[in-house]
Amino acid sequence: MGELSRLLRTNDYGVCFNTLCALEGALQEKRWHYLHNKDKEELKRFFESLG
């Protein structure tokens, strides 16, 4: 999430949590619905830090 994290923090893209999950799923080549709970929890913490 390094480069993506930097871009999201420096630009207001209006990204929602589900979009972050979809992007992570794409990086892992799987549907975001099938991400591990650990990954979703990490994304949730990241998303909340953007606030």
C-alpha atoms as a PDB file:
ATOM      1  CA  MET A   1       0.000   0.000   0.000  1.00  0.00           C
ATOM      2  CA  GLY A   2       2.995   2.327  -0.126  1.00  0.00           C
ATOM      3  CA  GLU A   3       2.411   4.361  -3.288  1.00  0.00           C
ATOM      4  CA  LEU A   4      -1.370   4.045  -3.056  1.00  0.00           C
ATOM      5  CA  SER A   5      -1.214   5.185   0.548  1.00  0.00           C
ATOM      6  CA  ARG A   6       0.834   8.268  -0.398  1.00  0.00           C
ATOM      7  CA  LEU A   7      -1.559   9.201  -3.201  1.00  0.00           C
ATOM      8  CA  LEU A   8      -4.644   8.815  -1.062  1.00  0.00           C
ATOM      9  CA  ARG A   9      -3.155  10.861   1.764  1.00  0.00           C
ATOM     10  CA  THR A  10      -2.077  13.753  -0.487  1.00  0.00           C
ATOM     11  CA  ASN A  11      -5.159  13.934  -2.722  1.00  0.00           C
ATOM     12  CA  ASP A  12      -8.850  14.008  -1.897  1.00  0.00           C
ATOM     13  CA  TYR A  13     -10.263  11.286  -4.092  1.00  0.00           C
ATOM     14  CA  GLY A  14     -13.361  10.717  -1.966  1.00  0.00           C
ATOM     15  CA  VAL A  15     -12.507   7.020  -1.717  1.00  0.00           C
ATOM     16  CA  CYS A  16     -14.831   4.837   0.328  1.00  0.00           C
ATOM     17  CA  PHE A  17     -13.843   1.743   2.312  1.00  0.00           C
ATOM     18  CA  ASN A  18     -15.283  -0.629  -0.289  1.00  0.00           C
ATOM     19  CA  THR A  19     -13.168   1.002  -2.996  1.00  0.00           C
ATOM     20  CA  LEU A  20     -10.035   0.389  -0.939  1.00  0.00           C
ATOM     21  CA  CYS A  21     -11.061  -3.242  -0.510  1.00  0.00           C
ATOM     22  CA  ALA A  22     -11.672  -3.548  -4.256  1.00  0.00           C
ATOM     23  CA  LEU A  23      -8.232  -2.106  -5.008  1.00  0.00           C
ATOM     24  CA  GLU A  24      -6.572  -4.489  -2.553  1.00  0.00           C
ATOM     25  CA  GLY A  25      -8.528  -7.383  -4.031  1.00  0.00           C
ATOM     26  CA  ALA A  26      -7.332  -6.415  -7.506  1.00  0.00           C
ATOM     27  CA  LEU A  27      -3.741  -6.364  -6.274  1.00  0.00           C
ATOM     28  CA  GLN A  28      -4.229  -9.851  -4.830  1.00  0.00           C
ATOM     29  CA  GLU A  29      -6.117 -10.981  -7.963  1.00  0.00           C
ATOM     30  CA  LYS A  30      -9.272 -11.887  -6.067  1.00  0.00           C
ATOM     31  CA  ARG A  31     -12.678 -10.379  -5.376  1.00  0.00           C
ATOM     32  CA  TRP A  32     -12.599  -8.043  -2.412  1.00  0.00           C
ATOM     33  CA  HIS A  33     -15.308 -10.154  -0.777  1.00  0.00           C
ATOM     34  CA  TYR A  34     -12.718 -12.910  -0.386  1.00  0.00           C
ATOM     35  CA  LEU A  35     -10.009 -10.842   1.317  1.00  0.00           C
ATOM     36  CA  HIS A  36      -8.825 -12.222   4.626  1.00  0.00           C
ATOM     37  CA  ASN A  37     -10.289 -10.550   7.686  1.00  0.00           C
ATOM     38  CA  LYS A  38      -6.765  -9.468   8.674  1.00  0.00           C
ATOM     39  CA  ASP A  39      -6.421  -7.578   5.395  1.00  0.00           C
ATOM     40  CA  LYS A  40      -9.840  -5.956   5.795  1.00  0.00           C
ATOM     41  CA  GLU A  41      -9.005  -4.874   9.345  1.00  0.00           C
ATOM     42  CA  GLU A  42      -5.742  -3.313   8.169  1.00  0.00           C
ATOM     43  CA  LEU A  43      -7.570  -1.498   5.374  1.00  0.00           C
ATOM     44  CA  LYS A  44     -10.181  -0.266   7.859  1.00  0.00           C
ATOM     45  CA  ARG A  45      -7.484   1.198  10.123  1.00  0.00           C
ATOM     46  CA  PHE A  46      -5.866   2.856   7.107  1.00  0.00           C
ATOM     47  CA  PHE A  47      -9.208   4.227   5.898  1.00  0.00           C
ATOM     48  CA  GLU A  48      -9.968   5.670   9.328  1.00  0.00           C
ATOM     49  CA  SER A  49      -6.520   7.304   9.414  1.00  0.00           C
ATOM     50  CA  LEU A  50      -7.371   9.230   6.235  1.00  0.00           C
ATOM     51  CA  GLY A  51     -10.267  10.999   7.997  1.00  0.00           C
END
